[in-house]
């Protein structure tokens, strides 16, 4: 089972709100997921990003691949830097 870190959409019409989740790569966008890692609200000013870096690093170390957008969000939250440090320490 290949795991992806990606966004699932919530909210009303024209008012999107996203969850950052770990899910099976074959499941639909808004389908089943394994774990919620964070939230992303693009319409608030400034946009709101809330990611649990500990969970994100755990999934990345276990081989999960982030989508392009989630990779940018992880970079903003600092989880990508923590992942690179942890990967370097592992060897």
C-alpha atoms as a PDB file:
ATOM      1  CA  UNK A   1       0.000   0.000   0.000  1.00  0.00           C
ATOM      2  CA  UNK A   2       1.506   3.314  -1.107  1.00  0.00           C
ATOM      3  CA  UNK A   3       0.688   6.181   1.239  1.00  0.00           C
ATOM      4  CA  UNK A   4       0.281   9.779   0.060  1.00  0.00           C
ATOM      5  CA  UNK A   5       0.078  12.957   2.088  1.00  0.00           C
ATOM      6  CA  UNK A   6      -2.594  15.042   0.375  1.00  0.00           C
ATOM      7  CA  UNK A   7      -5.489  17.445   0.810  1.00  0.00           C
ATOM      8  CA  UNK A   8      -9.149  16.515   1.257  1.00  0.00           C
ATOM      9  CA  UNK A   9     -11.737  19.234   0.655  1.00  0.00           C
ATOM     10  CA  UNK A  10     -14.320  20.401   3.162  1.00  0.00           C
ATOM     11  CA  UNK A  11     -16.442  23.525   3.434  1.00  0.00           C
ATOM     12  CA  UNK A  12     -19.228  25.114   1.436  1.00  0.00           C
ATOM     13  CA  UNK A  13     -19.386  26.120  -2.200  1.00  0.00           C
ATOM     14  CA  UNK A  14     -16.685  28.670  -2.976  1.00  0.00           C
ATOM     15  CA  UNK A  15     -15.448  28.452   0.627  1.00  0.00           C
ATOM     16  CA  UNK A  16     -12.962  25.596   0.641  1.00  0.00           C
ATOM     17  CA  UNK A  17     -11.283  24.299   3.753  1.00  0.00           C
ATOM     18  CA  UNK A  18      -8.802  21.428   3.512  1.00  0.00           C
ATOM     19  CA  UNK A  19      -7.480  18.713   5.784  1.00  0.00           C
ATOM     20  CA  UNK A  20      -3.973  17.401   5.258  1.00  0.00           C
ATOM     21  CA  UNK A  21      -4.284  13.618   5.523  1.00  0.00           C
ATOM     22  CA  UNK A  22      -2.284  10.433   5.070  1.00  0.00           C
ATOM     23  CA  UNK A  23      -4.227   8.128   2.759  1.00  0.00           C
ATOM     24  CA  UNK A  24      -3.834   5.210   0.392  1.00  0.00           C
ATOM     25  CA  UNK A  25      -2.787   6.498  -3.026  1.00  0.00           C
ATOM     26  CA  UNK A  26      -5.636   4.629  -4.740  1.00  0.00           C
ATOM     27  CA  UNK A  27      -8.450   6.029  -2.570  1.00  0.00           C
ATOM     28  CA  UNK A  28     -10.513   8.970  -3.896  1.00  0.00           C
ATOM     29  CA  UNK A  29      -9.681  12.561  -2.896  1.00  0.00           C
ATOM     30  CA  UNK A  30     -12.451  12.845  -0.296  1.00  0.00           C
ATOM     31  CA  UNK A  31     -12.552   9.123   0.512  1.00  0.00           C
ATOM     32  CA  UNK A  32     -11.093   7.084   3.342  1.00  0.00           C
ATOM     33  CA  UNK A  33      -7.924   8.280   5.002  1.00  0.00           C
ATOM     34  CA  UNK A  34      -5.559   6.828   7.581  1.00  0.00           C
ATOM     35  CA  UNK A  35      -4.775   9.872   9.726  1.00  0.00           C
ATOM     36  CA  UNK A  36      -5.373  13.630   9.833  1.00  0.00           C
ATOM     37  CA  UNK A  37      -2.086  15.514   9.937  1.00  0.00           C
ATOM     38  CA  UNK A  38      -3.271  19.112   9.756  1.00  0.00           C
ATOM     39  CA  UNK A  39      -5.532  21.792   8.288  1.00  0.00           C
ATOM     40  CA  UNK A  40      -5.256  24.420   5.548  1.00  0.00           C
ATOM     41  CA  UNK A  41      -7.622  27.377   5.108  1.00  0.00           C
ATOM     42  CA  UNK A  42      -6.630  29.242   1.916  1.00  0.00           C
ATOM     43  CA  UNK A  43      -9.430  31.845   2.041  1.00  0.00           C
ATOM     44  CA  UNK A  44      -8.543  33.400   5.385  1.00  0.00           C
ATOM     45  CA  UNK A  45      -6.255  36.427   5.205  1.00  0.00           C
ATOM     46  CA  UNK A  46      -3.412  35.431   5.537  1.00  0.00           C
ATOM     47  CA  UNK A  47      -4.012  31.777   4.685  1.00  0.00           C
ATOM     48  CA  UNK A  48      -3.959  29.507   7.726  1.00  0.00           C
ATOM     49  CA  UNK A  49      -1.687  26.444   7.830  1.00  0.00           C
ATOM     50  CA  UNK A  50      -1.714  24.142  10.852  1.00  0.00           C
ATOM     51  CA  UNK A  51       0.294  20.924  10.560  1.00  0.00           C
ATOM     52  CA  UNK A  52       1.379  18.472  13.274  1.00  0.00           C
ATOM     53  CA  UNK A  53       5.047  18.253  12.313  1.00  0.00           C
ATOM     54  CA  UNK A  54       5.650  15.170  14.457  1.00  0.00           C
ATOM     55  CA  UNK A  55       3.013  13.139  12.597  1.00  0.00           C
ATOM     56  CA  UNK A  56       4.135  14.462   9.210  1.00  0.00           C
ATOM     57  CA  UNK A  57       7.785  13.510   9.845  1.00  0.00           C
ATOM     58  CA  UNK A  58       6.714  10.055  11.056  1.00  0.00           C
ATOM     59  CA  UNK A  59       4.815   9.426   7.802  1.00  0.00           C
ATOM     60  CA  UNK A  60       7.609  10.798   5.621  1.00  0.00           C
ATOM     61  CA  UNK A  61      10.166   8.575   7.377  1.00  0.00           C
ATOM     62  CA  UNK A  62       7.887   5.583   6.719  1.00  0.00           C
ATOM     63  CA  UNK A  63       7.889   6.303   2.973  1.00  0.00           C
ATOM     64  CA  UNK A  64       4.806   8.458   2.397  1.00  0.00           C
ATOM     65  CA  UNK A  65       4.987  10.747  -0.643  1.00  0.00           C
ATOM     66  CA  UNK A  66       3.507  14.259  -0.343  1.00  0.00           C
ATOM     67  CA  UNK A  67       1.527  15.849  -3.167  1.00  0.00           C
ATOM     68  CA  UNK A  68       2.979  19.040  -4.692  1.00  0.00           C
ATOM     69  CA  UNK A  69       0.723  21.338  -2.661  1.00  0.00           C
ATOM     70  CA  UNK A  70       1.262  19.451   0.591  1.00  0.00           C
ATOM     71  CA  UNK A  71       5.020  19.555   0.039  1.00  0.00           C
ATOM     72  CA  UNK A  72       4.815  23.372  -0.088  1.00  0.00           C
ATOM     73  CA  UNK A  73       2.680  23.417   3.073  1.00  0.00           C
ATOM     74  CA  UNK A  74       5.174  21.141   4.845  1.00  0.00           C
ATOM     75  CA  UNK A  75       7.943  23.509   3.829  1.00  0.00           C
ATOM     76  CA  UNK A  76       6.012  26.462   5.305  1.00  0.00           C
ATOM     77  CA  UNK A  77       5.363  24.625   8.583  1.00  0.00           C
ATOM     78  CA  UNK A  78       8.985  23.454   8.897  1.00  0.00           C
ATOM     79  CA  UNK A  79       8.167  19.730   8.793  1.00  0.00           C
ATOM     80  CA  UNK A  80      10.271  19.185   5.668  1.00  0.00           C
ATOM     81  CA  UNK A  81      13.378  20.552   7.417  1.00  0.00           C
ATOM     82  CA  UNK A  82      12.725  18.297  10.426  1.00  0.00           C
ATOM     83  CA  UNK A  83      12.339  15.335   8.053  1.00  0.00           C
ATOM     84  CA  UNK A  84      15.667  16.075   6.355  1.00  0.00           C
ATOM     85  CA  UNK A  85      17.409  16.298   9.755  1.00  0.00           C
ATOM     86  CA  UNK A  86      15.856  13.036  10.948  1.00  0.00           C
ATOM     87  CA  UNK A  87      16.769  11.303   7.686  1.00  0.00           C
ATOM     88  CA  UNK A  88      20.392  12.512   7.974  1.00  0.00           C
ATOM     89  CA  UNK A  89      20.587  11.252  11.572  1.00  0.00           C
ATOM     90  CA  UNK A  90      19.277   7.834  10.528  1.00  0.00           C
ATOM     91  CA  UNK A  91      22.043   7.542   7.988  1.00  0.00           C
END
